[in-house]
Amino acid sequence: MKADTEKTLLEKPWAILGISRRQYDSAKPWKKANMSKEEFAKLVCMVSPEAIKSLKEQADVEMLLEAAFGKNCLEER
């Protein structure tokens, strides 16, 4: 388990999130989370890959629903 933790800590946060560094820097997710860039990177490294995958899938579903049915469809849930 320690080797997995060390490997994750060595990975870059954008790689863990499955996006390019340019996308990561453009989106500035640490600002949206009201955190420093370093704090956000540490948090991303601590989250399990399964949780990241689940969150990405949820975001993809929400984007598809919004594109197909408009922004209001998500508010009516």
PDB file of N, CA and C in Angstrom:
ATOM      1  N   MET A   1       0.826  -1.196   0.000  1.00  0.00           N
ATOM      2  CA  MET A   1       0.000   0.000   0.000  1.00  0.00           C
ATOM      3  C   MET A   1       0.867   1.256   0.000  1.00  0.00           C
ATOM      4  N   LYS A   2       1.984   1.202   0.694  1.00  0.00           N
ATOM      5  CA  LYS A   2       2.859   2.361   0.752  1.00  0.00           C
ATOM      6  C   LYS A   2       3.376   2.725  -0.634  1.00  0.00           C
ATOM      7  N   ALA A   3       3.686   1.736  -1.448  1.00  0.00           N
ATOM      8  CA  ALA A   3       4.177   1.993  -2.798  1.00  0.00           C
ATOM      9  C   ALA A   3       3.119   2.712  -3.629  1.00  0.00           C
ATOM     10  N   ASP A   4       1.830   2.329  -3.463  1.00  0.00           N
ATOM     11  CA  ASP A   4       0.746   3.004  -4.177  1.00  0.00           C
ATOM     12  C   ASP A   4       0.643   4.462  -3.760  1.00  0.00           C
ATOM     13  N   THR A   5       0.767   4.728  -2.466  1.00  0.00           N
ATOM     14  CA  THR A   5       0.690   6.084  -1.956  1.00  0.00           C
ATOM     15  C   THR A   5       1.837   6.924  -2.505  1.00  0.00           C
ATOM     16  N   GLU A   6       3.039   6.363  -2.492  1.00  0.00           N
ATOM     17  CA  GLU A   6       4.198   7.085  -3.010  1.00  0.00           C
ATOM     18  C   GLU A   6       4.042   7.364  -4.495  1.00  0.00           C
ATOM     19  N   LYS A   7       3.530   6.394  -5.244  1.00  0.00           N
ATOM     20  CA  LYS A   7       3.342   6.572  -6.680  1.00  0.00           C
ATOM     21  C   LYS A   7       2.340   7.686  -6.939  1.00  0.00           C
ATOM     22  N   THR A   8       1.231   7.681  -6.201  1.00  0.00           N
ATOM     23  CA  THR A   8       0.209   8.704  -6.370  1.00  0.00           C
ATOM     24  C   THR A   8       0.757  10.086  -6.053  1.00  0.00           C
ATOM     25  N   LEU A   9       1.563  10.188  -5.010  1.00  0.00           N
ATOM     26  CA  LEU A   9       2.116  11.478  -4.638  1.00  0.00           C
ATOM     27  C   LEU A   9       3.080  12.008  -5.697  1.00  0.00           C
ATOM     28  N   LEU A  10       3.691  11.103  -6.462  1.00  0.00           N
ATOM     29  CA  LEU A  10       4.614  11.519  -7.506  1.00  0.00           C
ATOM     30  C   LEU A  10       3.876  11.941  -8.783  1.00  0.00           C
ATOM     31  N   GLU A  11       2.625  11.491  -8.947  1.00  0.00           N
ATOM     32  CA  GLU A  11       1.859  11.865 -10.128  1.00  0.00           C
ATOM     33  C   GLU A  11       1.410  13.313 -10.011  1.00  0.00           C
ATOM     34  N   LYS A  12       1.288  13.938 -11.144  1.00  0.00           N
ATOM     35  CA  LYS A  12       0.821  15.311 -11.191  1.00  0.00           C
ATOM     36  C   LYS A  12      -0.702  15.323 -11.066  1.00  0.00           C
ATOM     37  N   PRO A  13      -1.269  16.351 -10.433  1.00  0.00           N
ATOM     38  CA  PRO A  13      -2.716  16.368 -10.220  1.00  0.00           C
ATOM     39  C   PRO A  13      -3.521  16.323 -11.516  1.00  0.00           C
ATOM     40  N   TRP A  14      -3.031  16.959 -12.582  1.00  0.00           N
ATOM     41  CA  TRP A  14      -3.764  16.932 -13.842  1.00  0.00           C
ATOM     42  C   TRP A  14      -3.764  15.540 -14.441  1.00  0.00           C
ATOM     43  N   ALA A  15      -2.699  14.788 -14.234  1.00  0.00           N
ATOM     44  CA  ALA A  15      -2.652  13.408 -14.733  1.00  0.00           C
ATOM     45  C   ALA A  15      -3.640  12.540 -13.959  1.00  0.00           C
ATOM     46  N   ILE A  16      -3.722  12.755 -12.670  1.00  0.00           N
ATOM     47  CA  ILE A  16      -4.668  12.002 -11.846  1.00  0.00           C
ATOM     48  C   ILE A  16      -6.096  12.309 -12.283  1.00  0.00           C
ATOM     49  N   LEU A  17      -6.362  13.572 -12.614  1.00  0.00           N
ATOM     50  CA  LEU A  17      -7.702  13.978 -13.048  1.00  0.00           C
ATOM     51  C   LEU A  17      -7.994  13.604 -14.495  1.00  0.00           C
ATOM     52  N   GLY A  18      -6.969  13.169 -15.215  1.00  0.00           N
ATOM     53  CA  GLY A  18      -7.164  12.729 -16.595  1.00  0.00           C
ATOM     54  C   GLY A  18      -7.308  13.869 -17.584  1.00  0.00           C
ATOM     55  N   ILE A  19      -6.655  14.997 -17.300  1.00  0.00           N
ATOM     56  CA  ILE A  19      -6.697  16.144 -18.204  1.00  0.00           C
ATOM     57  C   ILE A  19      -5.269  16.618 -18.468  1.00  0.00           C
ATOM     58  N   SER A  20      -5.122  17.493 -19.445  1.00  0.00           N
ATOM     59  CA  SER A  20      -3.788  18.009 -19.746  1.00  0.00           C
ATOM     60  C   SER A  20      -3.422  19.101 -18.737  1.00  0.00           C
ATOM     61  N   ARG A  21      -2.143  19.397 -18.687  1.00  0.00           N
ATOM     62  CA  ARG A  21      -1.690  20.460 -17.780  1.00  0.00           C
ATOM     63  C   ARG A  21      -2.292  21.799 -18.202  1.00  0.00           C
ATOM     64  N   ARG A  22      -2.408  22.015 -19.482  1.00  0.00           N
ATOM     65  CA  ARG A  22      -3.007  23.256 -19.995  1.00  0.00           C
ATOM     66  C   ARG A  22      -4.464  23.382 -19.535  1.00  0.00           C
ATOM     67  N   GLN A  23      -5.225  22.277 -19.633  1.00  0.00           N
ATOM     68  CA  GLN A  23      -6.616  22.293 -19.172  1.00  0.00           C
ATOM     69  C   GLN A  23      -6.688  22.566 -17.668  1.00  0.00           C
ATOM     70  N   TYR A  24      -5.811  21.936 -16.932  1.00  0.00           N
ATOM     71  CA  TYR A  24      -5.762  22.106 -15.474  1.00  0.00           C
ATOM     72  C   TYR A  24      -5.458  23.561 -15.114  1.00  0.00           C
ATOM     73  N   ASP A  25      -4.449  24.136 -15.765  1.00  0.00           N
ATOM     74  CA  ASP A  25      -4.077  25.523 -15.474  1.00  0.00           C
ATOM     75  C   ASP A  25      -5.160  26.506 -15.917  1.00  0.00           C
ATOM     76  N   SER A  26      -5.846  26.210 -17.017  1.00  0.00           N
ATOM     77  CA  SER A  26      -6.915  27.087 -17.498  1.00  0.00           C
ATOM     78  C   SER A  26      -8.138  27.046 -16.591  1.00  0.00           C
ATOM     79  N   ALA A  27      -8.486  25.853 -16.116  1.00  0.00           N
ATOM     80  CA  ALA A  27      -9.679  25.694 -15.283  1.00  0.00           C
ATOM     81  C   ALA A  27      -9.482  26.262 -13.872  1.00  0.00           C
ATOM     82  N   LYS A  28      -8.243  26.246 -13.400  1.00  0.00           N
ATOM     83  CA  LYS A  28      -7.916  26.719 -12.049  1.00  0.00           C
ATOM     84  C   LYS A  28      -8.873  26.147 -10.988  1.00  0.00           C
ATOM     85  N   PRO A  29      -8.951  24.824 -10.899  1.00  0.00           N
ATOM     86  CA  PRO A  29      -9.902  24.233  -9.955  1.00  0.00           C
ATOM     87  C   PRO A  29      -9.606  24.585  -8.500  1.00  0.00           C
ATOM     88  N   TRP A  30      -8.377  24.912  -8.181  1.00  0.00           N
ATOM     89  CA  TRP A  30      -8.026  25.280  -6.807  1.00  0.00           C
ATOM     90  C   TRP A  30      -8.704  26.592  -6.408  1.00  0.00           C
ATOM     91  N   LYS A  31      -8.904  27.487  -7.358  1.00  0.00           N
ATOM     92  CA  LYS A  31      -9.585  28.750  -7.059  1.00  0.00           C
ATOM     93  C   LYS A  31     -11.066  28.508  -6.803  1.00  0.00           C
ATOM     94  N   LYS A  32     -11.667  27.630  -7.614  1.00  0.00           N
ATOM     95  CA  LYS A  32     -13.081  27.300  -7.426  1.00  0.00           C
ATOM     96  C   LYS A  32     -13.306  26.615  -6.088  1.00  0.00           C
ATOM     97  N   ALA A  33     -12.292  25.879  -5.622  1.00  0.00           N
ATOM     98  CA  ALA A  33     -12.370  25.203  -4.326  1.00  0.00           C
ATOM     99  C   ALA A  33     -11.918  26.111  -3.184  1.00  0.00           C
ATOM    100  N   ASN A  34     -11.527  27.347  -3.532  1.00  0.00           N
ATOM    101  CA  ASN A  34     -11.054  28.318  -2.538  1.00  0.00           C
ATOM    102  C   ASN A  34      -9.860  27.774  -1.749  1.00  0.00           C
ATOM    103  N   MET A  35      -8.901  27.214  -2.482  1.00  0.00           N
ATOM    104  CA  MET A  35      -7.703  26.629  -1.889  1.00  0.00           C
ATOM    105  C   MET A  35      -6.481  27.141  -2.649  1.00  0.00           C
ATOM    106  N   SER A  36      -5.321  26.958  -2.048  1.00  0.00           N
ATOM    107  CA  SER A  36      -4.095  27.260  -2.784  1.00  0.00           C
ATOM    108  C   SER A  36      -3.861  26.126  -3.790  1.00  0.00           C
ATOM    109  N   LYS A  37      -3.056  26.408  -4.788  1.00  0.00           N
ATOM    110  CA  LYS A  37      -2.752  25.406  -5.813  1.00  0.00           C
ATOM    111  C   LYS A  37      -2.099  24.177  -5.182  1.00  0.00           C
ATOM    112  N   GLU A  38      -1.206  24.410  -4.223  1.00  0.00           N
ATOM    113  CA  GLU A  38      -0.501  23.311  -3.563  1.00  0.00           C
ATOM    114  C   GLU A  38      -1.449  22.467  -2.707  1.00  0.00           C
ATOM    115  N   GLU A  39      -2.350  23.121  -1.972  1.00  0.00           N
ATOM    116  CA  GLU A  39      -3.318  22.389  -1.147  1.00  0.00           C
ATOM    117  C   GLU A  39      -4.223  21.530  -2.017  1.00  0.00           C
ATOM    118  N   PHE A  40      -4.671  22.099  -3.125  1.00  0.00           N
ATOM    119  CA  PHE A  40      -5.549  21.365  -4.026  1.00  0.00           C
ATOM    120  C   PHE A  40      -4.830  20.148  -4.608  1.00  0.00           C
ATOM    121  N   ALA A  41      -3.575  20.327  -5.010  1.00  0.00           N
ATOM    122  CA  ALA A  41      -2.793  19.219  -5.570  1.00  0.00           C
ATOM    123  C   ALA A  41      -2.635  18.098  -4.550  1.00  0.00           C
ATOM    124  N   LYS A  42      -2.376  18.447  -3.294  1.00  0.00           N
ATOM    125  CA  LYS A  42      -2.251  17.423  -2.244  1.00  0.00           C
ATOM    126  C   LYS A  42      -3.564  16.686  -2.053  1.00  0.00           C
ATOM    127  N   LEU A  43      -4.667  17.417  -2.084  1.00  0.00           N
ATOM    128  CA  LEU A  43      -5.978  16.802  -1.915  1.00  0.00           C
ATOM    129  C   LEU A  43      -6.280  15.835  -3.056  1.00  0.00           C
ATOM    130  N   VAL A  44      -5.997  16.240  -4.279  1.00  0.00           N
ATOM    131  CA  VAL A  44      -6.222  15.375  -5.439  1.00  0.00           C
ATOM    132  C   VAL A  44      -5.398  14.097  -5.306  1.00  0.00           C
ATOM    133  N   CYS A  45      -4.176  14.227  -4.834  1.00  0.00           N
ATOM    134  CA  CYS A  45      -3.299  13.056  -4.687  1.00  0.00           C
ATOM    135  C   CYS A  45      -3.799  12.101  -3.609  1.00  0.00           C
ATOM    136  N   MET A  46      -4.560  12.605  -2.653  1.00  0.00           N
ATOM    137  CA  MET A  46      -5.046  11.764  -1.554  1.00  0.00           C
ATOM    138  C   MET A  46      -6.333  11.016  -1.901  1.00  0.00           C
ATOM    139  N   VAL A  47      -7.085  11.510  -2.870  1.00  0.00           N
ATOM    140  CA  VAL A  47      -8.364  10.891  -3.235  1.00  0.00           C
ATOM    141  C   VAL A  47      -8.110   9.608  -4.023  1.00  0.00           C
ATOM    142  N   SER A  48      -8.912   8.595  -3.742  1.00  0.00           N
ATOM    143  CA  SER A  48      -8.727   7.312  -4.424  1.00  0.00           C
ATOM    144  C   SER A  48      -9.067   7.430  -5.904  1.00  0.00           C
ATOM    145  N   PRO A  49      -8.397   6.650  -6.743  1.00  0.00           N
ATOM    146  CA  PRO A  49      -8.694   6.669  -8.185  1.00  0.00           C
ATOM    147  C   PRO A  49     -10.156   6.324  -8.483  1.00  0.00           C
ATOM    148  N   GLU A  50     -10.746   5.457  -7.682  1.00  0.00           N
ATOM    149  CA  GLU A  50     -12.146   5.084  -7.879  1.00  0.00           C
ATOM    150  C   GLU A  50     -13.061   6.285  -7.639  1.00  0.00           C
ATOM    151  N   ALA A  51     -12.752   7.075  -6.617  1.00  0.00           N
ATOM    152  CA  ALA A  51     -13.554   8.262  -6.319  1.00  0.00           C
ATOM    153  C   ALA A  51     -13.419   9.293  -7.436  1.00  0.00           C
ATOM    154  N   ILE A  52     -12.217   9.476  -7.934  1.00  0.00           N
ATOM    155  CA  ILE A  52     -11.985  10.423  -9.034  1.00  0.00           C
ATOM    156  C   ILE A  52     -12.778   9.977 -10.261  1.00  0.00           C
ATOM    157  N   LYS A  53     -12.737   8.687 -10.558  1.00  0.00           N
ATOM    158  CA  LYS A  53     -13.471   8.157 -11.709  1.00  0.00           C
ATOM    159  C   LYS A  53     -14.968   8.390 -11.547  1.00  0.00           C
ATOM    160  N   SER A  54     -15.476   8.147 -10.362  1.00  0.00           N
ATOM    161  CA  SER A  54     -16.892   8.341 -10.094  1.00  0.00           C
ATOM    162  C   SER A  54     -17.300   9.805 -10.241  1.00  0.00           C
ATOM    163  N   LEU A  55     -16.480  10.706  -9.709  1.00  0.00           N
ATOM    164  CA  LEU A  55     -16.768  12.139  -9.825  1.00  0.00           C
ATOM    165  C   LEU A  55     -16.738  12.604 -11.279  1.00  0.00           C
ATOM    166  N   LYS A  56     -15.779  12.093 -12.044  1.00  0.00           N
ATOM    167  CA  LYS A  56     -15.689  12.446 -13.471  1.00  0.00           C
ATOM    168  C   LYS A  56     -16.916  11.949 -14.224  1.00  0.00           C
ATOM    169  N   GLU A  57     -17.345  10.733 -13.928  1.00  0.00           N
ATOM    170  CA  GLU A  57     -18.529  10.184 -14.591  1.00  0.00           C
ATOM    171  C   GLU A  57     -19.761  11.016 -14.257  1.00  0.00           C
ATOM    172  N   GLN A  58     -19.904  11.420 -13.002  1.00  0.00           N
ATOM    173  CA  GLN A  58     -21.036  12.253 -12.581  1.00  0.00           C
ATOM    174  C   GLN A  58     -21.019  13.587 -13.321  1.00  0.00           C
ATOM    175  N   ALA A  59     -19.852  14.204 -13.426  1.00  0.00           N
ATOM    176  CA  ALA A  59     -19.731  15.486 -14.135  1.00  0.00           C
ATOM    177  C   ALA A  59     -20.060  15.316 -15.614  1.00  0.00           C
ATOM    178  N   ASP A  60     -19.623  14.212 -16.223  1.00  0.00           N
ATOM    179  CA  ASP A  60     -19.921  13.950 -17.630  1.00  0.00           C
ATOM    180  C   ASP A  60     -21.425  13.798 -17.844  1.00  0.00           C
ATOM    181  N   VAL A  61     -22.084  13.077 -16.953  1.00  0.00           N
ATOM    182  CA  VAL A  61     -23.537  12.892 -17.049  1.00  0.00           C
ATOM    183  C   VAL A  61     -24.241  14.242 -16.948  1.00  0.00           C
ATOM    184  N   GLU A  62     -23.824  15.066 -15.997  1.00  0.00           N
ATOM    185  CA  GLU A  62     -24.449  16.372 -15.831  1.00  0.00           C
ATOM    186  C   GLU A  62     -24.252  17.255 -17.055  1.00  0.00           C
ATOM    187  N   MET A  63     -23.058  17.219 -17.654  1.00  0.00           N
ATOM    188  CA  MET A  63     -22.812  18.009 -18.864  1.00  0.00           C
ATOM    189  C   MET A  63     -23.675  17.530 -20.026  1.00  0.00           C
ATOM    190  N   LEU A  64     -23.813  16.208 -20.168  1.00  0.00           N
ATOM    191  CA  LEU A  64     -24.645  15.665 -21.244  1.00  0.00           C
ATOM    192  C   LEU A  64     -26.113  16.022 -21.048  1.00  0.00           C
ATOM    193  N   LEU A  65     -26.597  15.908 -19.813  1.00  0.00           N
ATOM    194  CA  LEU A  65     -27.988  16.270 -19.529  1.00  0.00           C
ATOM    195  C   LEU A  65     -28.241  17.745 -19.812  1.00  0.00           C
ATOM    196  N   GLU A  66     -27.319  18.581 -19.402  1.00  0.00           N
ATOM    197  CA  GLU A  66     -27.465  20.009 -19.639  1.00  0.00           C
ATOM    198  C   GLU A  66     -27.459  20.318 -21.138  1.00  0.00           C
ATOM    199  N   ALA A  67     -26.586  19.651 -21.879  1.00  0.00           N
ATOM    200  CA  ALA A  67     -26.512  19.877 -23.320  1.00  0.00           C
ATOM    201  C   ALA A  67     -27.789  19.401 -24.023  1.00  0.00           C
ATOM    202  N   ALA A  68     -28.340  18.301 -23.564  1.00  0.00           N
ATOM    203  CA  ALA A  68     -29.514  17.739 -24.215  1.00  0.00           C
ATOM    204  C   ALA A  68     -30.817  18.424 -23.802  1.00  0.00           C
ATOM    205  N   PHE A  69     -30.932  18.756 -22.513  1.00  0.00           N
ATOM    206  CA  PHE A  69     -32.216  19.232 -22.000  1.00  0.00           C
ATOM    207  C   PHE A  69     -32.186  20.638 -21.412  1.00  0.00           C
ATOM    208  N   GLY A  70     -31.038  21.257 -21.399  1.00  0.00           N
ATOM    209  CA  GLY A  70     -30.925  22.606 -20.857  1.00  0.00           C
ATOM    210  C   GLY A  70     -30.529  22.610 -19.396  1.00  0.00           C
ATOM    211  N   LYS A  71     -30.139  23.772 -18.935  1.00  0.00           N
ATOM    212  CA  LYS A  71     -29.635  23.911 -17.584  1.00  0.00           C
ATOM    213  C   LYS A  71     -30.688  23.619 -16.519  1.00  0.00           C
ATOM    214  N   ASN A  72     -31.946  23.908 -16.811  1.00  0.00           N
ATOM    215  CA  ASN A  72     -33.010  23.742 -15.817  1.00  0.00           C
ATOM    216  C   ASN A  72     -33.271  22.289 -15.459  1.00  0.00           C
ATOM    217  N   CYS A  73     -32.926  21.340 -16.320  1.00  0.00           N
ATOM    218  CA  CYS A  73     -33.210  19.937 -16.034  1.00  0.00           C
ATOM    219  C   CYS A  73     -32.476  19.447 -14.796  1.00  0.00           C
ATOM    220  N   LEU A  74     -31.340  20.023 -14.501  1.00  0.00           N
ATOM    221  CA  LEU A  74     -30.575  19.595 -13.334  1.00  0.00           C
ATOM    222  C   LEU A  74     -31.123  20.204 -12.054  1.00  0.00           C
ATOM    223  N   GLU A  75     -31.762  21.340 -12.149  1.00  0.00           N
ATOM    224  CA  GLU A  75     -32.295  22.008 -10.966  1.00  0.00           C
ATOM    225  C   GLU A  75     -33.606  21.378 -10.492  1.00  0.00           C
ATOM    226  N   GLU A  76     -34.293  20.658 -11.368  1.00  0.00           N
ATOM    227  CA  GLU A  76     -35.581  20.085 -11.022  1.00  0.00           C
ATOM    228  C   GLU A  76     -35.476  18.775 -10.267  1.00  0.00           C
ATOM    229  N   ARG A  77     -34.274  18.253 -10.092  1.00  0.00           N
ATOM    230  CA  ARG A  77     -34.105  16.961  -9.418  1.00  0.00           C
ATOM    231  C   ARG A  77     -34.502  17.074  -8.020  1.00  0.00           C
TER     232      ARG A  77
END
